[in-house]
Amino acid sequence: MSSSCRIDDAGETLIESVISVCMLAIGVVAVLGVIISGTYLTGEHRAATVSDVAVKVVAEAVKSAPYVDGATTYAVPAVPSGHVATVTGVSCLIGTPAPVVLSGQWGSCAPTDSGLQRVTVRVTSGVSAETTTIVKRRS
């Protein structure tokens, strides 16, 4: 029996295999980075969307609440878990009759309330915050 050695072997060498595995690993790490980043951003977007909806719900609740002369705050309804809703400010139109909203300054509602209140509502979570302002008119 004679053994023959093939000089023109077309198989992969160890170096070629190691390089192929390294290139595959780099691709897998890149794809995992995209997946992890996408998951994180999806969570942030979800929280921002919930905050946006919650601030609109709170603003509608405050707007439909009875007008309180000289109010400094209004009650806010419950918001989803992980979110906090607050009325961050109530100011009244100063120096302008109630029907005219285009001019005038906003300030403290004490001692006299002009009949228009600007109420600022804020909903915050760990990653997002939404703010809106509404105007209440005395009936």
C-alpha atoms as a PDB file:
ATOM      1  CA  MET A   1       0.000   0.000   0.000  1.00  0.00           C
ATOM      2  CA  SER A   2       1.290   3.248  -0.896  1.00  0.00           C
ATOM      3  CA  SER A   3       0.278   6.461   0.734  1.00  0.00           C
ATOM      4  CA  SER A   4      -0.165   9.408  -1.445  1.00  0.00           C
ATOM      5  CA  CYS A   5      -0.034  13.003  -0.354  1.00  0.00           C
ATOM      6  CA  ARG A   6      -2.271  15.441  -2.174  1.00  0.00           C
ATOM      7  CA  ILE A   7      -0.587  18.743  -2.711  1.00  0.00           C
ATOM      8  CA  ASP A   8      -3.569  20.465  -4.374  1.00  0.00           C
ATOM      9  CA  ASP A   9      -6.057  19.847  -1.525  1.00  0.00           C
ATOM     10  CA  ALA A  10      -9.116  22.139  -1.893  1.00  0.00           C
ATOM     11  CA  GLY A  11     -10.208  21.935   1.776  1.00  0.00           C
ATOM     12  CA  GLU A  12     -10.142  24.772   4.271  1.00  0.00           C
ATOM     13  CA  THR A  13      -7.180  25.358   6.466  1.00  0.00           C
ATOM     14  CA  LEU A  14      -7.410  26.132  10.160  1.00  0.00           C
ATOM     15  CA  ILE A  15      -6.691  29.813   9.503  1.00  0.00           C
ATOM     16  CA  GLU A  16      -9.562  30.081   7.016  1.00  0.00           C
ATOM     17  CA  SER A  17     -11.936  28.439   9.489  1.00  0.00           C
ATOM     18  CA  VAL A  18     -10.909  30.783  12.325  1.00  0.00           C
ATOM     19  CA  ILE A  19     -11.373  33.857  10.120  1.00  0.00           C
ATOM     20  CA  SER A  20     -14.821  32.633   8.994  1.00  0.00           C
ATOM     21  CA  VAL A  21     -15.926  32.062  12.606  1.00  0.00           C
ATOM     22  CA  CYS A  22     -14.657  35.535  13.619  1.00  0.00           C
ATOM     23  CA  MET A  23     -16.543  37.195  10.772  1.00  0.00           C
ATOM     24  CA  LEU A  24     -19.704  35.318  11.727  1.00  0.00           C
ATOM     25  CA  ALA A  25     -19.280  36.354  15.385  1.00  0.00           C
ATOM     26  CA  ILE A  26     -18.914  40.014  14.404  1.00  0.00           C
ATOM     27  CA  GLY A  27     -22.147  39.781  12.397  1.00  0.00           C
ATOM     28  CA  VAL A  28     -24.007  38.121  15.271  1.00  0.00           C
ATOM     29  CA  VAL A  29     -22.809  40.788  17.751  1.00  0.00           C
ATOM     30  CA  ALA A  30     -23.976  43.550  15.383  1.00  0.00           C
ATOM     31  CA  VAL A  31     -27.415  41.971  14.989  1.00  0.00           C
ATOM     32  CA  LEU A  32     -27.741  41.489  18.772  1.00  0.00           C
ATOM     33  CA  GLY A  33     -26.845  45.161  19.288  1.00  0.00           C
ATOM     34  CA  VAL A  34     -29.628  46.214  16.926  1.00  0.00           C
ATOM     35  CA  ILE A  35     -32.134  43.914  18.667  1.00  0.00           C
ATOM     36  CA  ILE A  36     -31.206  45.190  22.148  1.00  0.00           C
ATOM     37  CA  SER A  37     -31.302  48.832  21.026  1.00  0.00           C
ATOM     38  CA  GLY A  38     -34.659  48.304  19.328  1.00  0.00           C
ATOM     39  CA  THR A  39     -36.109  46.708  22.436  1.00  0.00           C
ATOM     40  CA  TYR A  40     -34.934  49.597  24.618  1.00  0.00           C
ATOM     41  CA  LEU A  41     -36.281  52.245  22.241  1.00  0.00           C
ATOM     42  CA  THR A  42     -39.597  50.416  21.959  1.00  0.00           C
ATOM     43  CA  GLY A  43     -39.957  50.607  25.752  1.00  0.00           C
ATOM     44  CA  GLU A  44     -39.184  54.326  25.732  1.00  0.00           C
ATOM     45  CA  HIS A  45     -41.657  54.933  22.923  1.00  0.00           C
ATOM     46  CA  ARG A  46     -44.346  52.967  24.760  1.00  0.00           C
ATOM     47  CA  ALA A  47     -43.820  55.066  27.912  1.00  0.00           C
ATOM     48  CA  ALA A  48     -43.949  58.301  25.886  1.00  0.00           C
ATOM     49  CA  THR A  49     -47.165  57.201  24.180  1.00  0.00           C
ATOM     50  CA  VAL A  50     -48.787  56.287  27.501  1.00  0.00           C
ATOM     51  CA  SER A  51     -47.707  59.666  28.937  1.00  0.00           C
ATOM     52  CA  ASP A  52     -49.146  61.474  25.918  1.00  0.00           C
ATOM     53  CA  VAL A  53     -52.513  59.731  26.233  1.00  0.00           C
ATOM     54  CA  ALA A  54     -52.530  60.181  30.027  1.00  0.00           C
ATOM     55  CA  VAL A  55     -51.862  63.937  29.819  1.00  0.00           C
ATOM     56  CA  LYS A  56     -54.801  64.302  27.408  1.00  0.00           C
ATOM     57  CA  VAL A  57     -57.084  62.312  29.732  1.00  0.00           C
ATOM     58  CA  VAL A  58     -55.995  64.384  32.745  1.00  0.00           C
ATOM     59  CA  ALA A  59     -56.441  67.647  30.809  1.00  0.00           C
ATOM     60  CA  GLU A  60     -59.973  66.654  29.783  1.00  0.00           C
ATOM     61  CA  ALA A  61     -60.806  65.731  33.387  1.00  0.00           C
ATOM     62  CA  VAL A  62     -59.518  69.083  34.661  1.00  0.00           C
ATOM     63  CA  LYS A  63     -61.324  70.932  31.872  1.00  0.00           C
ATOM     64  CA  SER A  64     -64.635  69.240  32.684  1.00  0.00           C
ATOM     65  CA  ALA A  65     -64.261  69.809  36.452  1.00  0.00           C
ATOM     66  CA  PRO A  66     -66.286  72.676  37.928  1.00  0.00           C
ATOM     67  CA  TYR A  67     -64.606  76.080  37.756  1.00  0.00           C
ATOM     68  CA  VAL A  68     -63.194  77.118  41.148  1.00  0.00           C
ATOM     69  CA  ASP A  69     -62.630  80.838  41.772  1.00  0.00           C
ATOM     70  CA  GLY A  70     -59.079  81.488  42.956  1.00  0.00           C
ATOM     71  CA  ALA A  71     -58.023  77.870  42.457  1.00  0.00           C
ATOM     72  CA  THR A  72     -54.357  76.984  42.885  1.00  0.00           C
ATOM     73  CA  THR A  73     -54.752  73.380  41.724  1.00  0.00           C
ATOM     74  CA  TYR A  74     -57.339  70.887  40.505  1.00  0.00           C
ATOM     75  CA  ALA A  75     -57.792  67.211  41.308  1.00  0.00           C
ATOM     76  CA  VAL A  76     -56.327  64.821  38.752  1.00  0.00           C
ATOM     77  CA  PRO A  77     -57.640  61.341  37.918  1.00  0.00           C
ATOM     78  CA  ALA A  78     -55.607  58.159  38.317  1.00  0.00           C
ATOM     79  CA  VAL A  79     -52.984  57.522  35.645  1.00  0.00           C
ATOM     80  CA  PRO A  80     -51.322  54.257  34.581  1.00  0.00           C
ATOM     81  CA  SER A  81     -48.821  52.634  36.919  1.00  0.00           C
ATOM     82  CA  GLY A  82     -45.387  54.218  36.751  1.00  0.00           C
ATOM     83  CA  HIS A  83     -46.760  57.627  35.752  1.00  0.00           C
ATOM     84  CA  VAL A  84     -47.421  60.677  37.929  1.00  0.00           C
ATOM     85  CA  ALA A  85     -49.926  63.392  36.991  1.00  0.00           C
ATOM     86  CA  THR A  86     -49.829  66.868  38.509  1.00  0.00           C
ATOM     87  CA  VAL A  87     -51.330  70.277  37.930  1.00  0.00           C
ATOM     88  CA  THR A  88     -48.161  72.365  37.759  1.00  0.00           C
ATOM     89  CA  GLY A  89     -49.817  75.757  37.623  1.00  0.00           C
ATOM     90  CA  VAL A  90     -53.060  77.711  37.631  1.00  0.00           C
ATOM     91  CA  SER A  91     -53.020  81.344  36.571  1.00  0.00           C
ATOM     92  CA  CYS A  92     -55.716  83.869  35.770  1.00  0.00           C
ATOM     93  CA  LEU A  93     -55.996  86.460  33.055  1.00  0.00           C
ATOM     94  CA  ILE A  94     -55.172  89.865  34.549  1.00  0.00           C
ATOM     95  CA  GLY A  95     -56.441  93.212  33.351  1.00  0.00           C
ATOM     96  CA  THR A  96     -58.593  91.959  30.494  1.00  0.00           C
ATOM     97  CA  PRO A  97     -62.298  91.206  30.437  1.00  0.00           C
ATOM     98  CA  ALA A  98     -63.149  87.504  30.318  1.00  0.00           C
ATOM     99  CA  PRO A  99     -64.362  87.389  26.675  1.00  0.00           C
ATOM    100  CA  VAL A 100     -61.020  88.690  25.314  1.00  0.00           C
ATOM    101  CA  VAL A 101     -58.259  86.070  25.414  1.00  0.00           C
ATOM    102  CA  LEU A 102     -55.838  87.471  22.840  1.00  0.00           C
ATOM    103  CA  SER A 103     -54.289  90.135  25.053  1.00  0.00           C
ATOM    104  CA  GLY A 104     -53.435  90.529  28.701  1.00  0.00           C
ATOM    105  CA  GLN A 105     -51.106  88.859  31.143  1.00  0.00           C
ATOM    106  CA  TRP A 106     -51.522  85.722  33.204  1.00  0.00           C
ATOM    107  CA  GLY A 107     -50.853  85.846  36.925  1.00  0.00           C
ATOM    108  CA  SER A 108     -52.074  84.803  40.336  1.00  0.00           C
ATOM    109  CA  CYS A 109     -55.790  84.174  40.747  1.00  0.00           C
ATOM    110  CA  ALA A 110     -55.809  85.860  44.145  1.00  0.00           C
ATOM    111  CA  PRO A 111     -57.431  88.167  45.248  1.00  0.00           C
ATOM    112  CA  THR A 112     -59.734  88.481  42.242  1.00  0.00           C
ATOM    113  CA  ASP A 113     -60.431  85.865  39.612  1.00  0.00           C
ATOM    114  CA  SER A 114     -61.130  87.240  36.108  1.00  0.00           C
ATOM    115  CA  GLY A 115     -63.142  84.207  35.012  1.00  0.00           C
ATOM    116  CA  LEU A 116     -60.410  82.654  32.849  1.00  0.00           C
ATOM    117  CA  GLN A 117     -57.830  80.250  34.210  1.00  0.00           C
ATOM    118  CA  ARG A 118     -54.836  78.788  32.410  1.00  0.00           C
ATOM    119  CA  VAL A 119     -54.135  75.338  33.878  1.00  0.00           C
ATOM    120  CA  THR A 120     -50.908  73.470  33.107  1.00  0.00           C
ATOM    121  CA  VAL A 121     -50.990  69.682  33.468  1.00  0.00           C
ATOM    122  CA  ARG A 122     -47.904  67.430  33.470  1.00  0.00           C
ATOM    123  CA  VAL A 123     -47.602  63.637  33.350  1.00  0.00           C
ATOM    124  CA  THR A 124     -44.191  62.092  33.970  1.00  0.00           C
ATOM    125  CA  SER A 125     -42.731  58.610  34.015  1.00  0.00           C
ATOM    126  CA  GLY A 126     -39.185  57.362  34.426  1.00  0.00           C
ATOM    127  CA  VAL A 127     -38.310  58.066  30.789  1.00  0.00           C
ATOM    128  CA  SER A 128     -40.793  60.619  29.488  1.00  0.00           C
ATOM    129  CA  ALA A 129     -42.741  63.726  30.411  1.00  0.00           C
ATOM    130  CA  GLU A 130     -45.666  65.357  28.649  1.00  0.00           C
ATOM    131  CA  THR A 131     -47.133  68.778  29.427  1.00  0.00           C
ATOM    132  CA  THR A 132     -50.237  70.522  28.138  1.00  0.00           C
ATOM    133  CA  THR A 133     -52.052  73.739  28.954  1.00  0.00           C
ATOM    134  CA  ILE A 134     -55.808  74.285  28.928  1.00  0.00           C
ATOM    135  CA  VAL A 135     -57.981  77.331  29.515  1.00  0.00           C
ATOM    136  CA  LYS A 136     -61.005  77.084  31.827  1.00  0.00           C
ATOM    137  CA  ARG A 137     -63.804  79.616  31.620  1.00  0.00           C
ATOM    138  CA  ARG A 138     -66.232  80.443  34.432  1.00  0.00           C
ATOM    139  CA  SER A 139     -69.773  79.529  33.356  1.00  0.00           C
END
